[in-house]
């Protein structure tokens, strides 16, 4: 499959076919692609919420600017960042490295110190922004994988985070919703699939120095 052809095929789907659902195998592959996404320092300090309850999706609709993708797509995903990064989080990350690579915890401690040096001059807001940016790496990776698999997507940044947090009970979990992704299959009624993709030229986007 030509990945450039697939990236030209994809678009921000406006109308999803409510009758078409992603099969279990394909959706599990999408979740694995999310799990394998790159993340700064390998932290993956975020969570993905798969909103399956249709009543909850309907409740989210008014605070998603009534964008029907939230209710009509096969699956609706909410990407959340954890609100804080603690010393225990760093220790847990080092332990995961140690166990995964079958290394002693002492061997990975120098990496832990580099992490702490990276974070020590950042205030809470800087750290939160850094953590939130990692979500978009995972989002982009997942959207590309969807395109390769002929699965349609629409990233949604137009929503009210505070109301999402209330409806989904995120404050108690110390999570903040950052961006959402509707995933499924386009409706034949969506006229946007037939229009030309608008992008800047390569000359306007890439500079060799």
C-alpha atoms as a PDB file:
ATOM      1  CA  UNK A   1       0.000   0.000   0.000  1.00  0.00           C
ATOM      2  CA  UNK A   2       1.343   3.449  -0.974  1.00  0.00           C
ATOM      3  CA  UNK A   3       1.360   5.528   2.188  1.00  0.00           C
ATOM      4  CA  UNK A   4       1.347   8.825   0.258  1.00  0.00           C
ATOM      5  CA  UNK A   5      -1.734   7.659  -1.611  1.00  0.00           C
ATOM      6  CA  UNK A   6      -3.389   6.846   1.699  1.00  0.00           C
ATOM      7  CA  UNK A   7      -2.471  10.213   3.196  1.00  0.00           C
ATOM      8  CA  UNK A   8      -4.058  11.864   0.176  1.00  0.00           C
ATOM      9  CA  UNK A   9      -7.103   9.639   0.686  1.00  0.00           C
ATOM     10  CA  UNK A  10      -7.657  10.674   4.292  1.00  0.00           C
ATOM     11  CA  UNK A  11      -9.475  13.855   5.222  1.00  0.00           C
ATOM     12  CA  UNK A  12     -11.186  15.287   8.284  1.00  0.00           C
ATOM     13  CA  UNK A  13     -14.370  13.283   8.009  1.00  0.00           C
ATOM     14  CA  UNK A  14     -17.426  15.406   8.687  1.00  0.00           C
ATOM     15  CA  UNK A  15     -20.167  12.765   8.397  1.00  0.00           C
ATOM     16  CA  UNK A  16     -19.649   9.193   9.579  1.00  0.00           C
ATOM     17  CA  UNK A  17     -21.749   6.223   8.575  1.00  0.00           C
ATOM     18  CA  UNK A  18     -23.408   5.256  11.864  1.00  0.00           C
ATOM     19  CA  UNK A  19     -24.103   1.734  10.606  1.00  0.00           C
ATOM     20  CA  UNK A  20     -20.444   0.835  10.011  1.00  0.00           C
ATOM     21  CA  UNK A  21     -18.339  -0.329  12.944  1.00  0.00           C
ATOM     22  CA  UNK A  22     -14.631  -1.080  13.150  1.00  0.00           C
ATOM     23  CA  UNK A  23     -14.117  -4.773  13.777  1.00  0.00           C
ATOM     24  CA  UNK A  24     -12.471  -5.976  16.973  1.00  0.00           C
ATOM     25  CA  UNK A  25      -9.196  -7.035  15.342  1.00  0.00           C
ATOM     26  CA  UNK A  26      -8.678  -3.730  13.535  1.00  0.00           C
ATOM     27  CA  UNK A  27      -9.535  -1.696  16.608  1.00  0.00           C
ATOM     28  CA  UNK A  28      -7.102  -3.680  18.727  1.00  0.00           C
ATOM     29  CA  UNK A  29      -4.411  -2.891  16.141  1.00  0.00           C
ATOM     30  CA  UNK A  30      -5.238   0.801  16.466  1.00  0.00           C
ATOM     31  CA  UNK A  31      -4.844   0.596  20.233  1.00  0.00           C
ATOM     32  CA  UNK A  32      -1.509  -1.171  19.799  1.00  0.00           C
ATOM     33  CA  UNK A  33      -0.382   1.573  17.401  1.00  0.00           C
ATOM     34  CA  UNK A  34      -1.282   4.104  20.089  1.00  0.00           C
ATOM     35  CA  UNK A  35       0.695   2.112  22.665  1.00  0.00           C
ATOM     36  CA  UNK A  36       3.758   2.016  20.397  1.00  0.00           C
ATOM     37  CA  UNK A  37       3.742   5.761  19.674  1.00  0.00           C
ATOM     38  CA  UNK A  38       6.855   7.774  20.350  1.00  0.00           C
ATOM     39  CA  UNK A  39       6.969   9.960  23.453  1.00  0.00           C
ATOM     40  CA  UNK A  40       9.579  12.313  24.863  1.00  0.00           C
ATOM     41  CA  UNK A  41      11.823  10.401  27.259  1.00  0.00           C
ATOM     42  CA  UNK A  42       9.551   7.426  26.661  1.00  0.00           C
ATOM     43  CA  UNK A  43       7.220   8.559  29.459  1.00  0.00           C
ATOM     44  CA  UNK A  44       3.833   8.186  27.745  1.00  0.00           C
ATOM     45  CA  UNK A  45       2.407  10.172  30.633  1.00  0.00           C
ATOM     46  CA  UNK A  46      -1.100  10.101  29.226  1.00  0.00           C
ATOM     47  CA  UNK A  47      -4.172   7.918  28.911  1.00  0.00           C
ATOM     48  CA  UNK A  48      -6.592   7.163  26.093  1.00  0.00           C
ATOM     49  CA  UNK A  49     -10.280   6.966  26.946  1.00  0.00           C
ATOM     50  CA  UNK A  50     -12.440   4.901  24.607  1.00  0.00           C
ATOM     51  CA  UNK A  51     -15.930   6.272  25.135  1.00  0.00           C
ATOM     52  CA  UNK A  52     -18.201   3.321  24.362  1.00  0.00           C
ATOM     53  CA  UNK A  53     -21.337   4.333  26.246  1.00  0.00           C
ATOM     54  CA  UNK A  54     -23.619   6.036  23.720  1.00  0.00           C
ATOM     55  CA  UNK A  55     -25.409   8.001  26.439  1.00  0.00           C
ATOM     56  CA  UNK A  56     -22.103   9.492  27.553  1.00  0.00           C
ATOM     57  CA  UNK A  57     -21.269  10.352  23.940  1.00  0.00           C
ATOM     58  CA  UNK A  58     -24.619  12.112  23.636  1.00  0.00           C
ATOM     59  CA  UNK A  59     -23.876  14.010  26.839  1.00  0.00           C
ATOM     60  CA  UNK A  60     -20.530  15.132  25.402  1.00  0.00           C
ATOM     61  CA  UNK A  61     -22.128  16.423  22.189  1.00  0.00           C
ATOM     62  CA  UNK A  62     -23.245  19.870  23.447  1.00  0.00           C
ATOM     63  CA  UNK A  63     -19.761  20.588  24.822  1.00  0.00           C
ATOM     64  CA  UNK A  64     -18.212  19.410  21.530  1.00  0.00           C
ATOM     65  CA  UNK A  65     -19.857  22.321  19.700  1.00  0.00           C
ATOM     66  CA  UNK A  66     -22.483  19.823  18.484  1.00  0.00           C
ATOM     67  CA  UNK A  67     -20.037  18.139  16.136  1.00  0.00           C
ATOM     68  CA  UNK A  68     -21.881  14.928  15.288  1.00  0.00           C
ATOM     69  CA  UNK A  69     -18.668  12.980  14.765  1.00  0.00           C
ATOM     70  CA  UNK A  70     -18.621  12.594  18.547  1.00  0.00           C
ATOM     71  CA  UNK A  71     -21.784  10.508  18.489  1.00  0.00           C
ATOM     72  CA  UNK A  72     -21.872   9.021  14.988  1.00  0.00           C
ATOM     73  CA  UNK A  73     -18.373   7.604  14.501  1.00  0.00           C
ATOM     74  CA  UNK A  74     -17.738   3.948  15.242  1.00  0.00           C
ATOM     75  CA  UNK A  75     -15.444   4.871  18.147  1.00  0.00           C
ATOM     76  CA  UNK A  76     -14.797   8.106  20.017  1.00  0.00           C
ATOM     77  CA  UNK A  77     -11.409   8.558  21.674  1.00  0.00           C
ATOM     78  CA  UNK A  78     -10.397  11.158  24.238  1.00  0.00           C
ATOM     79  CA  UNK A  79      -6.668  11.739  24.675  1.00  0.00           C
ATOM     80  CA  UNK A  80      -5.810  12.879  28.202  1.00  0.00           C
ATOM     81  CA  UNK A  81      -2.617  13.985  29.861  1.00  0.00           C
ATOM     82  CA  UNK A  82      -1.890  13.348  33.496  1.00  0.00           C
ATOM     83  CA  UNK A  83      -1.916  16.588  35.457  1.00  0.00           C
ATOM     84  CA  UNK A  84       1.335  16.090  37.328  1.00  0.00           C
ATOM     85  CA  UNK A  85       4.661  14.327  37.028  1.00  0.00           C
ATOM     86  CA  UNK A  86       5.972  13.105  40.363  1.00  0.00           C
ATOM     87  CA  UNK A  87       9.177  11.519  41.602  1.00  0.00           C
ATOM     88  CA  UNK A  88       7.237   8.271  41.895  1.00  0.00           C
ATOM     89  CA  UNK A  89       6.335   8.527  38.184  1.00  0.00           C
ATOM     90  CA  UNK A  90      10.027   8.840  37.344  1.00  0.00           C
ATOM     91  CA  UNK A  91      10.868   5.870  39.563  1.00  0.00           C
ATOM     92  CA  UNK A  92       8.104   3.803  37.938  1.00  0.00           C
ATOM     93  CA  UNK A  93       9.428   4.693  34.484  1.00  0.00           C
ATOM     94  CA  UNK A  94      12.940   3.596  35.447  1.00  0.00           C
ATOM     95  CA  UNK A  95      11.580   0.361  36.888  1.00  0.00           C
ATOM     96  CA  UNK A  96       9.714  -0.323  33.646  1.00  0.00           C
ATOM     97  CA  UNK A  97      12.927   0.208  31.659  1.00  0.00           C
ATOM     98  CA  UNK A  98      14.861  -2.031  34.033  1.00  0.00           C
ATOM     99  CA  UNK A  99      12.341  -4.869  33.850  1.00  0.00           C
ATOM    100  CA  UNK A 100      11.682  -4.605  30.113  1.00  0.00           C
ATOM    101  CA  UNK A 101      15.367  -4.619  29.197  1.00  0.00           C
ATOM    102  CA  UNK A 102      16.410  -7.034  31.948  1.00  0.00           C
ATOM    103  CA  UNK A 103      18.834  -4.500  33.424  1.00  0.00           C
ATOM    104  CA  UNK A 104      19.593  -3.736  37.031  1.00  0.00           C
ATOM    105  CA  UNK A 105      17.853  -0.671  38.412  1.00  0.00           C
ATOM    106  CA  UNK A 106      21.292   0.770  39.232  1.00  0.00           C
ATOM    107  CA  UNK A 107      22.220   0.704  35.558  1.00  0.00           C
ATOM    108  CA  UNK A 108      19.284   2.934  34.592  1.00  0.00           C
ATOM    109  CA  UNK A 109      19.688   5.415  37.445  1.00  0.00           C
ATOM    110  CA  UNK A 110      22.013   7.711  35.418  1.00  0.00           C
ATOM    111  CA  UNK A 111      19.204   8.054  32.864  1.00  0.00           C
ATOM    112  CA  UNK A 112      16.870   8.920  35.711  1.00  0.00           C
ATOM    113  CA  UNK A 113      19.229  11.687  36.766  1.00  0.00           C
ATOM    114  CA  UNK A 114      19.237  13.087  33.226  1.00  0.00           C
ATOM    115  CA  UNK A 115      15.440  13.152  33.372  1.00  0.00           C
ATOM    116  CA  UNK A 116      15.514  15.036  36.655  1.00  0.00           C
ATOM    117  CA  UNK A 117      18.066  17.509  35.273  1.00  0.00           C
ATOM    118  CA  UNK A 118      15.794  18.092  32.277  1.00  0.00           C
ATOM    119  CA  UNK A 119      12.825  18.826  34.540  1.00  0.00           C
ATOM    120  CA  UNK A 120      14.426  20.752  37.384  1.00  0.00           C
ATOM    121  CA  UNK A 121      14.308  24.190  35.709  1.00  0.00           C
ATOM    122  CA  UNK A 122      10.736  23.810  34.478  1.00  0.00           C
ATOM    123  CA  UNK A 123       7.743  25.079  36.429  1.00  0.00           C
ATOM    124  CA  UNK A 124       4.447  23.175  36.644  1.00  0.00           C
ATOM    125  CA  UNK A 125       2.993  24.954  33.620  1.00  0.00           C
ATOM    126  CA  UNK A 126       6.019  24.173  31.464  1.00  0.00           C
ATOM    127  CA  UNK A 127       5.870  20.520  32.483  1.00  0.00           C
ATOM    128  CA  UNK A 128       2.142  20.331  31.783  1.00  0.00           C
ATOM    129  CA  UNK A 129       2.620  21.813  28.305  1.00  0.00           C
ATOM    130  CA  UNK A 130       5.468  19.387  27.615  1.00  0.00           C
ATOM    131  CA  UNK A 131       3.303  16.465  28.699  1.00  0.00           C
ATOM    132  CA  UNK A 132       0.347  17.707  26.619  1.00  0.00           C
ATOM    133  CA  UNK A 133       2.518  17.950  23.514  1.00  0.00           C
ATOM    134  CA  UNK A 134       3.269  14.241  23.737  1.00  0.00           C
ATOM    135  CA  UNK A 135      -0.425  13.512  23.232  1.00  0.00           C
ATOM    136  CA  UNK A 136      -0.286  15.040  19.761  1.00  0.00           C
ATOM    137  CA  UNK A 137       2.557  12.738  18.746  1.00  0.00           C
ATOM    138  CA  UNK A 138       0.357   9.769  19.622  1.00  0.00           C
ATOM    139  CA  UNK A 139      -2.609  11.383  17.859  1.00  0.00           C
ATOM    140  CA  UNK A 140      -0.673  11.901  14.621  1.00  0.00           C
ATOM    141  CA  UNK A 141       0.697   8.381  14.693  1.00  0.00           C
ATOM    142  CA  UNK A 142      -2.751   6.892  15.227  1.00  0.00           C
ATOM    143  CA  UNK A 143      -4.296   8.967  12.430  1.00  0.00           C
ATOM    144  CA  UNK A 144      -1.628   7.775  10.004  1.00  0.00           C
ATOM    145  CA  UNK A 145      -2.185   4.142  10.955  1.00  0.00           C
ATOM    146  CA  UNK A 146      -5.929   4.634  10.465  1.00  0.00           C
ATOM    147  CA  UNK A 147      -5.316   6.020   6.972  1.00  0.00           C
ATOM    148  CA  UNK A 148      -3.152   3.023   6.085  1.00  0.00           C
ATOM    149  CA  UNK A 149      -6.006   0.753   7.174  1.00  0.00           C
ATOM    150  CA  UNK A 150      -8.670   2.717   5.244  1.00  0.00           C
ATOM    151  CA  UNK A 151     -10.254   3.874   8.477  1.00  0.00           C
ATOM    152  CA  UNK A 152     -11.539   7.432   8.599  1.00  0.00           C
ATOM    153  CA  UNK A 153     -10.788   9.928  11.339  1.00  0.00           C
ATOM    154  CA  UNK A 154     -11.552  13.429  12.470  1.00  0.00           C
ATOM    155  CA  UNK A 155      -9.420  15.064  15.142  1.00  0.00           C
ATOM    156  CA  UNK A 156     -11.492  17.324  17.368  1.00  0.00           C
ATOM    157  CA  UNK A 157      -9.945  20.153  19.331  1.00  0.00           C
ATOM    158  CA  UNK A 158     -13.167  22.124  19.509  1.00  0.00           C
ATOM    159  CA  UNK A 159     -14.592  21.020  22.835  1.00  0.00           C
ATOM    160  CA  UNK A 160     -14.920  22.275  26.410  1.00  0.00           C
ATOM    161  CA  UNK A 161     -12.279  20.504  28.521  1.00  0.00           C
ATOM    162  CA  UNK A 162     -13.811  21.443  31.868  1.00  0.00           C
ATOM    163  CA  UNK A 163     -17.191  19.977  30.959  1.00  0.00           C
ATOM    164  CA  UNK A 164     -15.561  16.891  29.476  1.00  0.00           C
ATOM    165  CA  UNK A 165     -13.642  16.431  32.723  1.00  0.00           C
ATOM    166  CA  UNK A 166     -16.874  16.691  34.695  1.00  0.00           C
ATOM    167  CA  UNK A 167     -18.859  14.260  32.532  1.00  0.00           C
ATOM    168  CA  UNK A 168     -16.032  11.714  32.329  1.00  0.00           C
ATOM    169  CA  UNK A 169     -14.983  12.007  35.971  1.00  0.00           C
ATOM    170  CA  UNK A 170     -11.462  13.053  35.066  1.00  0.00           C
ATOM    171  CA  UNK A 171     -10.733  15.399  37.952  1.00  0.00           C
ATOM    172  CA  UNK A 172     -10.738  12.511  40.390  1.00  0.00           C
ATOM    173  CA  UNK A 173      -8.340  10.663  38.087  1.00  0.00           C
ATOM    174  CA  UNK A 174      -6.101  13.773  37.777  1.00  0.00           C
ATOM    175  CA  UNK A 175      -6.427  13.751  33.999  1.00  0.00           C
ATOM    176  CA  UNK A 176      -6.981  16.621  31.574  1.00  0.00           C
ATOM    177  CA  UNK A 177      -8.564  16.043  28.148  1.00  0.00           C
ATOM    178  CA  UNK A 178      -6.340  17.484  25.410  1.00  0.00           C
ATOM    179  CA  UNK A 179      -7.790  16.387  22.060  1.00  0.00           C
ATOM    180  CA  UNK A 180     -10.353  13.907  20.741  1.00  0.00           C
ATOM    181  CA  UNK A 181     -10.501  11.602  17.740  1.00  0.00           C
ATOM    182  CA  UNK A 182     -13.575  10.247  16.004  1.00  0.00           C
ATOM    183  CA  UNK A 183     -12.773   6.979  14.223  1.00  0.00           C
ATOM    184  CA  UNK A 184     -14.900   5.021  11.773  1.00  0.00           C
ATOM    185  CA  UNK A 185     -16.050   5.075   8.164  1.00  0.00           C
ATOM    186  CA  UNK A 186     -17.177   8.004   6.031  1.00  0.00           C
ATOM    187  CA  UNK A 187     -20.760   8.389   4.933  1.00  0.00           C
ATOM    188  CA  UNK A 188     -21.555   8.649   1.235  1.00  0.00           C
ATOM    189  CA  UNK A 189     -23.365  11.859   2.167  1.00  0.00           C
ATOM    190  CA  UNK A 190     -20.112  13.543   3.227  1.00  0.00           C
ATOM    191  CA  UNK A 191     -19.303  15.804   0.282  1.00  0.00           C
ATOM    192  CA  UNK A 192     -15.892  16.724   1.704  1.00  0.00           C
ATOM    193  CA  UNK A 193     -14.453  13.397   0.544  1.00  0.00           C
ATOM    194  CA  UNK A 194     -14.782  14.538  -3.084  1.00  0.00           C
ATOM    195  CA  UNK A 195     -13.025  17.913  -2.812  1.00  0.00           C
ATOM    196  CA  UNK A 196      -9.318  18.473  -3.386  1.00  0.00           C
ATOM    197  CA  UNK A 197      -7.058  18.383  -0.352  1.00  0.00           C
ATOM    198  CA  UNK A 198      -5.760  21.868   0.429  1.00  0.00           C
ATOM    199  CA  UNK A 199      -2.118  21.950   1.489  1.00  0.00           C
ATOM    200  CA  UNK A 200       0.753  24.362   1.025  1.00  0.00           C
ATOM    201  CA  UNK A 201       3.323  23.567  -1.640  1.00  0.00           C
ATOM    202  CA  UNK A 202       6.524  21.766  -0.722  1.00  0.00           C
ATOM    203  CA  UNK A 203       8.458  24.955  -1.516  1.00  0.00           C
ATOM    204  CA  UNK A 204       6.443  26.860   1.076  1.00  0.00           C
ATOM    205  CA  UNK A 205       6.858  24.230   3.757  1.00  0.00           C
ATOM    206  CA  UNK A 206      10.383  22.827   3.405  1.00  0.00           C
ATOM    207  CA  UNK A 207      13.603  24.807   3.448  1.00  0.00           C
ATOM    208  CA  UNK A 208      17.062  23.324   2.905  1.00  0.00           C
ATOM    209  CA  UNK A 209      19.855  25.211   4.661  1.00  0.00           C
END
